[in-house]
């Protein structure tokens, strides 16, 4: 019996956990923000505070995604609520600049 799959046999499985974070950070280092965004977003959605901060910064600067100050504030706020100091500062700066 043939199994139905939404994925092509040649498609690579999505990275998760630390592998996704490492891939995202490597992509940032190479300036490939679209790949970084794609790698880090699932981890940010799972609650990883550093990934949330990075996604917030990418939204704020329009790196790897369309510039979106409201989205940036939301991601920074999620990370800040977990005690991530860099996100707390970034959120404060956004509010000070009245971008959110």
Protein backbone atom coordinates (compact mmCIF):
# COMPACT_ATOMS: atom_id res chain seq x y z
CA UNK A 1 0.00 0.00 0.00
CA UNK A 2 1.36 3.40 -0.99
CA UNK A 3 1.40 6.04 1.75
CA UNK A 4 0.29 9.57 1.04
CA UNK A 5 2.67 12.33 2.08
CA UNK A 6 2.48 16.09 1.90
CA UNK A 7 6.25 16.18 1.61
CA UNK A 8 8.25 15.18 -1.41
CA UNK A 9 10.69 12.32 -0.80
CA UNK A 10 13.61 14.63 -1.50
CA UNK A 11 12.50 17.34 0.92
CA UNK A 12 14.79 17.81 3.88
CA UNK A 13 13.10 17.56 7.28
CA UNK A 14 12.72 20.84 9.13
CA UNK A 15 15.29 21.47 11.82
CA UNK A 16 14.13 21.87 15.37
CA UNK A 17 15.56 22.65 18.76
CA UNK A 18 19.22 23.51 19.04
CA UNK A 19 19.89 22.52 15.41
CA UNK A 20 17.38 25.15 14.22
CA UNK A 21 18.87 27.77 16.53
CA UNK A 22 22.40 26.98 15.33
CA UNK A 23 21.25 27.15 11.70
CA UNK A 24 19.54 30.49 12.36
CA UNK A 25 22.60 31.98 14.04
CA UNK A 26 24.83 30.74 11.24
CA UNK A 27 22.49 32.30 8.68
CA UNK A 28 22.61 35.62 10.55
CA UNK A 29 26.40 35.45 10.47
CA UNK A 30 26.25 35.03 6.70
CA UNK A 31 23.72 37.83 6.30
CA UNK A 32 21.01 35.42 5.10
CA UNK A 33 18.21 36.85 7.21
CA UNK A 34 15.43 35.11 5.32
CA UNK A 35 16.91 31.71 6.22
CA UNK A 36 17.56 32.89 9.78
CA UNK A 37 13.96 34.03 10.17
CA UNK A 38 12.68 30.71 8.85
CA UNK A 39 14.92 28.72 11.21
CA UNK A 40 14.31 30.80 14.34
CA UNK A 41 10.58 31.49 14.05
CA UNK A 42 9.40 28.00 15.11
CA UNK A 43 11.65 28.12 18.17
CA UNK A 44 10.40 31.61 19.02
CA UNK A 45 6.83 30.34 18.76
CA UNK A 46 7.77 27.51 21.15
CA UNK A 47 8.84 30.13 23.69
CA UNK A 48 12.63 30.35 23.30
CA UNK A 49 13.29 33.85 24.64
CA UNK A 50 16.49 34.52 22.70
CA UNK A 51 14.84 33.45 19.44
CA UNK A 52 11.90 35.70 20.29
CA UNK A 53 14.30 38.60 20.76
CA UNK A 54 16.05 37.87 17.48
CA UNK A 55 12.75 37.60 15.59
CA UNK A 56 11.70 40.89 17.19
CA UNK A 57 14.89 42.56 16.01
CA UNK A 58 14.47 41.18 12.49
CA UNK A 59 10.88 42.48 12.40
CA UNK A 60 12.07 45.85 13.68
CA UNK A 61 14.80 46.18 11.06
CA UNK A 62 13.04 44.43 8.18
CA UNK A 63 15.69 41.72 7.94
CA UNK A 64 14.34 38.46 6.55
CA UNK A 65 10.78 39.74 6.77
CA UNK A 66 8.82 42.91 6.11
CA UNK A 67 9.49 45.70 8.61
CA UNK A 68 6.75 45.52 11.23
CA UNK A 69 7.12 47.58 14.40
CA UNK A 70 4.00 46.19 16.03
CA UNK A 71 5.19 42.63 15.39
CA UNK A 72 8.63 43.57 16.71
CA UNK A 73 7.09 44.92 19.90
CA UNK A 74 5.07 41.76 20.38
CA UNK A 75 8.11 39.51 20.01
CA UNK A 76 10.25 41.73 22.25
CA UNK A 77 7.45 41.76 24.81
CA UNK A 78 7.26 37.95 24.86
CA UNK A 79 11.00 37.68 25.42
CA UNK A 80 11.05 40.54 27.94
CA UNK A 81 8.32 38.84 29.98
CA UNK A 82 10.71 35.91 30.38
CA UNK A 83 13.42 38.19 31.76
CA UNK A 84 15.50 38.55 28.60
CA UNK A 85 17.25 41.87 29.25
CA UNK A 86 18.16 42.60 25.61
CA UNK A 87 14.48 42.35 24.67
CA UNK A 88 13.50 44.56 27.59
CA UNK A 89 15.87 47.25 26.33
CA UNK A 90 14.75 46.81 22.70
CA UNK A 91 11.11 47.13 23.74
CA UNK A 92 11.87 50.29 25.71
CA UNK A 93 13.71 51.79 22.73
CA UNK A 94 10.79 50.98 20.42
CA UNK A 95 8.37 52.70 22.78
CA UNK A 96 10.73 55.66 23.22
CA UNK A 97 10.89 56.09 19.45
CA UNK A 98 7.09 55.67 19.34
CA UNK A 99 7.41 52.93 16.71
CA UNK A 100 5.04 50.55 18.49
